[in-house]
């Protein structure tokens, strides 16, 4: 999904799921993407956000970092 949410992705998420968990990079772009996605999705579906510490990426979780 990178750091943007297309209208098609929004429709798929909102019509296909009752709950969504967002997990973006722990940097400025990731925080901006999280904020934008929450604004667009929270009116239609339950949204939970997992915040990563600065500089961390989701892939680092699998590595134990």
Foldseek 3Di string as FASTA:
>chain_A
DALAADPVNLVCDLVPDQEEEDFAAQEDSRVVSVVVCCVSRVVRHHYHYDHDHHPDGPVVVVVVD
